[in-house]
Amino acid sequence: MSGAERPPTGRHRRRRSTGLGALAVAFLLVLMVVGAMFSPVLLGWPPPSRGAAAQPSTVGTPGPAPTTSTTALPSAPPATTRRPPRRTTSPPAPVATIAAFETEVLAQTNARRRDEGCPELRLDTRLRAAARRHSIDMARYGYMSHTGHDGSSPGKRIRDAGYPQVSWAENIARGYPNPSAVMAGWMNSPGHRANILNCSMRALGVGAARGNSGQVFWTQDFGAR
């Protein structure tokens, strides 16, 4: 045998490559991918955005409740209409209206007396003058009393008007707008009703006057003659 070196002899095992190694590698890769996807969630990190539009939050601090107003605004007058301001006082009633008021009160007084069997009252111009004087005085100074602004009593006013010194009675009122209203007020008052239905009275004078405020002042003067 020549002196050339011989290759070593002996058994030598060579590991054969199989499919199990590839499967292991693939399995490891899958674990790595899955771990990369879920590890932020497990660590408390926010998940990666997927490009979807953000939704509004349903939790928040409520704002103040809306307020409403119960006060209505006044209507503005038309721009093309300009009226002068209204007078704060009513003008005096025409003389004809006042005279009609006085006549109607006399008629209604007699109607009440007829219902009670009392004689009708005649109109006495002297009693009417005394009643008118007192109604005008009350309307002018804005008071209601049997004592006049000058301190006069009903009896003195009746005597000053020329009526003889006899039994008399007086009813007064204010604020009733017409004869029917003032008669209803008097008839609902025992003292005034007694004067109206006093069968011993024979004459009547009625006075009416309208004050600056628009109220009507009323006077009835009764006489026994």
Protein backbone atom coordinates (compact mmCIF):
# COMPACT_ATOMS: atom_id res chain seq x y z
CA MET A 1 0.00 0.00 0.00
CA SER A 2 1.49 3.23 -0.93
CA GLY A 3 2.46 5.77 1.65
CA ALA A 4 -0.45 7.96 0.71
CA GLU A 5 -2.64 8.93 3.65
CA ARG A 6 -5.75 6.99 3.87
CA PRO A 7 -8.98 8.58 4.84
CA PRO A 8 -10.08 7.78 8.29
CA THR A 9 -12.34 4.94 8.57
CA GLY A 10 -15.20 4.43 10.83
CA ARG A 11 -18.91 5.06 10.98
CA HIS A 12 -20.19 8.49 10.66
CA ARG A 13 -23.88 9.28 11.21
CA ARG A 14 -25.32 12.21 9.30
CA ARG A 15 -28.57 13.79 10.62
CA ARG A 16 -31.10 13.67 8.00
CA SER A 17 -33.32 16.76 7.37
CA THR A 18 -37.02 16.06 7.84
CA GLY A 19 -40.30 18.04 7.58
CA LEU A 20 -40.61 18.37 11.36
CA GLY A 21 -38.07 21.14 11.42
CA ALA A 22 -39.99 23.23 8.92
CA LEU A 23 -43.16 22.76 10.88
CA ALA A 24 -41.47 23.87 14.04
CA VAL A 25 -40.16 26.96 12.37
CA ALA A 26 -43.60 27.80 11.00
CA PHE A 27 -45.19 27.25 14.39
CA LEU A 28 -42.68 29.59 16.00
CA LEU A 29 -43.40 32.23 13.39
CA VAL A 30 -47.13 31.97 14.06
CA LEU A 31 -46.56 32.36 17.78
CA MET A 32 -44.44 35.41 17.15
CA VAL A 33 -47.07 37.04 14.97
CA VAL A 34 -49.90 36.29 17.40
CA GLY A 35 -47.82 37.49 20.30
CA ALA A 36 -47.03 40.70 18.46
CA MET A 37 -50.76 41.28 17.89
CA PHE A 38 -51.97 40.59 21.44
CA SER A 39 -49.04 41.69 23.52
CA PRO A 40 -50.12 45.42 23.55
CA VAL A 41 -53.56 44.47 24.84
CA LEU A 42 -52.07 42.27 27.52
CA LEU A 43 -49.76 45.09 28.54
CA GLY A 44 -52.56 47.67 28.63
CA TRP A 45 -51.48 49.51 25.52
CA PRO A 46 -54.14 50.84 23.10
CA PRO A 47 -54.70 48.62 20.09
CA PRO A 48 -53.40 49.89 16.78
CA SER A 49 -55.78 51.99 14.75
CA ARG A 50 -57.44 50.22 11.90
CA GLY A 51 -58.42 53.37 10.08
CA ALA A 52 -62.10 53.38 11.22
CA ALA A 53 -63.73 56.72 12.03
CA ALA A 54 -63.78 57.60 15.75
CA GLN A 55 -67.18 57.42 17.48
CA PRO A 56 -68.40 60.22 19.80
CA SER A 57 -68.25 59.53 23.48
CA THR A 58 -71.53 58.88 25.26
CA VAL A 59 -70.16 59.94 28.63
CA GLY A 60 -69.55 63.53 29.53
CA THR A 61 -70.45 66.45 31.78
CA PRO A 62 -73.97 67.69 31.05
CA GLY A 63 -74.30 71.38 30.37
CA PRO A 64 -76.72 73.76 32.08
CA ALA A 65 -80.41 73.17 31.50
CA PRO A 66 -81.97 75.54 28.97
CA THR A 67 -83.95 78.40 30.44
CA THR A 68 -87.27 79.69 29.18
CA SER A 69 -88.89 83.07 29.58
CA THR A 70 -92.52 83.50 30.49
CA THR A 71 -92.54 87.24 29.92
CA ALA A 72 -94.15 88.21 26.64
CA LEU A 73 -92.74 91.18 24.80
CA PRO A 74 -95.23 93.97 24.15
CA SER A 75 -96.44 94.34 20.62
CA ALA A 76 -94.80 97.20 18.83
CA PRO A 77 -97.17 99.71 17.29
CA PRO A 78 -97.24 99.88 13.50
CA ALA A 79 -94.50 102.12 12.17
CA THR A 80 -96.93 104.04 10.00
CA THR A 81 -99.47 104.67 12.77
CA ARG A 82 -98.82 107.36 15.34
CA ARG A 83 -101.65 108.15 17.68
CA PRO A 84 -101.64 110.79 20.40
CA PRO A 85 -101.55 109.42 23.97
CA ARG A 86 -104.92 108.71 25.53
CA ARG A 87 -106.31 111.07 28.10
CA THR A 88 -106.07 109.73 31.62
CA THR A 89 -109.41 111.25 32.60
CA SER A 90 -112.81 110.82 31.01
CA PRO A 91 -114.59 113.90 29.73
CA PRO A 92 -117.73 114.95 31.61
CA ALA A 93 -120.92 113.31 30.41
CA PRO A 94 -123.15 115.51 28.28
CA VAL A 95 -125.85 117.38 30.16
CA ALA A 96 -128.54 115.50 28.26
CA THR A 97 -127.10 112.16 29.42
CA ILE A 98 -126.89 113.29 33.04
CA ALA A 99 -130.47 114.54 32.90
CA ALA A 100 -131.57 111.19 31.46
CA PHE A 101 -129.76 109.39 34.28
CA GLU A 102 -131.61 111.48 36.85
CA THR A 103 -134.98 110.88 35.21
CA GLU A 104 -134.38 107.14 35.03
CA VAL A 105 -133.46 106.92 38.71
CA LEU A 106 -136.75 108.65 39.61
CA ALA A 107 -138.69 106.21 37.39
CA GLN A 108 -137.00 103.15 38.88
CA THR A 109 -137.51 104.47 42.41
CA ASN A 110 -141.24 104.80 41.78
CA ALA A 111 -141.35 101.29 40.27
CA ARG A 112 -139.86 99.87 43.49
CA ARG A 113 -142.32 101.85 45.59
CA ARG A 114 -145.29 100.62 43.56
CA ASP A 115 -144.19 97.05 44.21
CA GLU A 116 -144.35 97.78 47.96
CA GLY A 117 -147.66 99.67 47.85
CA CYS A 118 -146.11 103.10 48.49
CA PRO A 119 -147.25 106.23 46.63
CA GLU A 120 -145.10 107.42 43.78
CA LEU A 121 -142.79 110.37 44.37
CA ARG A 122 -143.17 113.56 42.40
CA LEU A 123 -140.19 115.38 40.98
CA ASP A 124 -139.34 118.47 43.02
CA THR A 125 -136.98 120.90 41.31
CA ARG A 126 -135.75 122.28 44.64
CA LEU A 127 -134.77 118.84 45.87
CA ARG A 128 -133.18 118.18 42.47
CA ALA A 129 -131.12 121.39 42.80
CA ALA A 130 -129.88 120.32 46.24
CA ALA A 131 -129.05 116.81 44.99
CA ARG A 132 -127.22 118.13 41.92
CA ARG A 133 -125.23 120.56 44.01
CA HIS A 134 -124.01 117.79 46.26
CA SER A 135 -123.18 115.36 43.41
CA ILE A 136 -121.19 118.05 41.58
CA ASP A 137 -119.33 118.89 44.79
CA MET A 138 -118.41 115.22 45.41
CA ALA A 139 -117.32 114.77 41.80
CA ARG A 140 -115.20 117.92 41.85
CA TYR A 141 -113.34 117.07 45.04
CA GLY A 142 -113.41 113.28 44.71
CA TYR A 143 -115.07 112.29 47.99
CA MET A 144 -118.28 110.58 49.10
CA SER A 145 -119.97 111.79 52.26
CA HIS A 146 -123.25 113.29 53.41
CA THR A 147 -121.20 116.21 54.71
CA GLY A 148 -120.34 118.58 51.88
CA HIS A 149 -116.86 119.87 51.08
CA ASP A 150 -117.92 123.15 52.65
CA GLY A 151 -119.23 121.39 55.77
CA SER A 152 -122.89 121.57 54.77
CA SER A 153 -125.41 118.96 55.91
CA PRO A 154 -128.19 117.48 53.74
CA GLY A 155 -130.82 119.45 55.65
CA LYS A 156 -128.98 122.74 55.08
CA ARG A 157 -128.56 122.07 51.36
CA ILE A 158 -132.26 121.23 51.05
CA ARG A 159 -133.27 124.40 52.93
CA ASP A 160 -130.83 126.52 50.93
CA ALA A 161 -132.51 125.22 47.74
CA GLY A 162 -135.85 126.59 48.99
CA TYR A 163 -137.50 123.38 50.14
CA PRO A 164 -139.50 123.82 53.38
CA GLN A 165 -138.22 122.52 56.70
CA VAL A 166 -139.80 119.08 56.89
CA SER A 167 -138.65 115.45 57.20
CA TRP A 168 -136.07 114.51 54.61
CA ALA A 169 -133.72 111.64 53.66
CA GLU A 170 -130.68 111.34 51.43
CA ASN A 171 -128.98 108.50 49.53
CA ILE A 172 -125.57 108.90 47.91
CA ALA A 173 -123.29 106.62 45.86
CA ARG A 174 -120.36 106.73 43.47
CA GLY A 175 -118.80 104.48 40.86
CA TYR A 176 -122.04 102.97 39.52
CA PRO A 177 -122.03 103.61 35.76
CA ASN A 178 -125.79 103.84 35.10
CA PRO A 179 -129.18 104.16 36.85
CA SER A 180 -129.86 100.40 36.94
CA ALA A 181 -126.53 99.72 38.62
CA VAL A 182 -126.89 102.38 41.29
CA MET A 183 -130.49 101.36 42.04
CA ALA A 184 -129.39 97.75 42.48
CA GLY A 185 -126.68 98.89 44.90
CA TRP A 186 -129.09 100.97 46.94
CA MET A 187 -131.74 98.26 47.06
CA ASN A 188 -129.17 95.75 48.33
CA SER A 189 -128.33 98.06 51.27
CA PRO A 190 -130.90 98.02 54.13
CA GLY A 191 -130.51 101.71 55.03
CA HIS A 192 -130.75 102.99 51.46
CA ARG A 193 -133.61 100.60 50.69
CA ALA A 194 -135.53 101.93 53.71
CA ASN A 195 -135.29 105.50 52.35
CA ILE A 196 -136.50 104.44 48.90
CA LEU A 197 -139.44 102.50 50.32
CA ASN A 198 -140.39 105.06 53.00
CA CYS A 199 -144.07 105.55 52.29
CA SER A 200 -144.16 108.86 54.19
CA MET A 201 -142.01 110.58 51.57
CA ARG A 202 -143.78 112.51 48.82
CA ALA A 203 -141.09 114.15 46.64
CA LEU A 204 -137.69 113.32 45.22
CA GLY A 205 -134.79 115.11 43.59
CA VAL A 206 -131.97 113.20 41.87
CA GLY A 207 -128.54 114.60 41.04
CA ALA A 208 -125.78 112.95 38.99
CA ALA A 209 -122.32 114.22 38.07
CA ARG A 210 -119.26 112.66 36.45
CA GLY A 211 -115.86 113.27 38.00
CA ASN A 212 -112.50 113.67 36.29
CA SER A 213 -111.76 109.96 36.82
CA GLY A 214 -114.93 109.01 34.93
CA GLN A 215 -116.87 107.89 38.01
CA VAL A 216 -120.46 108.99 38.35
CA PHE A 217 -121.54 110.44 41.69
CA TRP A 218 -125.19 110.03 42.67
CA THR A 219 -127.51 111.76 45.16
CA GLN A 220 -131.17 111.19 46.05
CA ASP A 221 -132.87 113.84 48.25
CA PHE A 222 -136.30 112.86 49.60
CA GLY A 223 -138.86 115.23 51.10
CA ALA A 224 -142.10 114.65 53.05
CA ARG A 225 -144.04 117.43 51.25
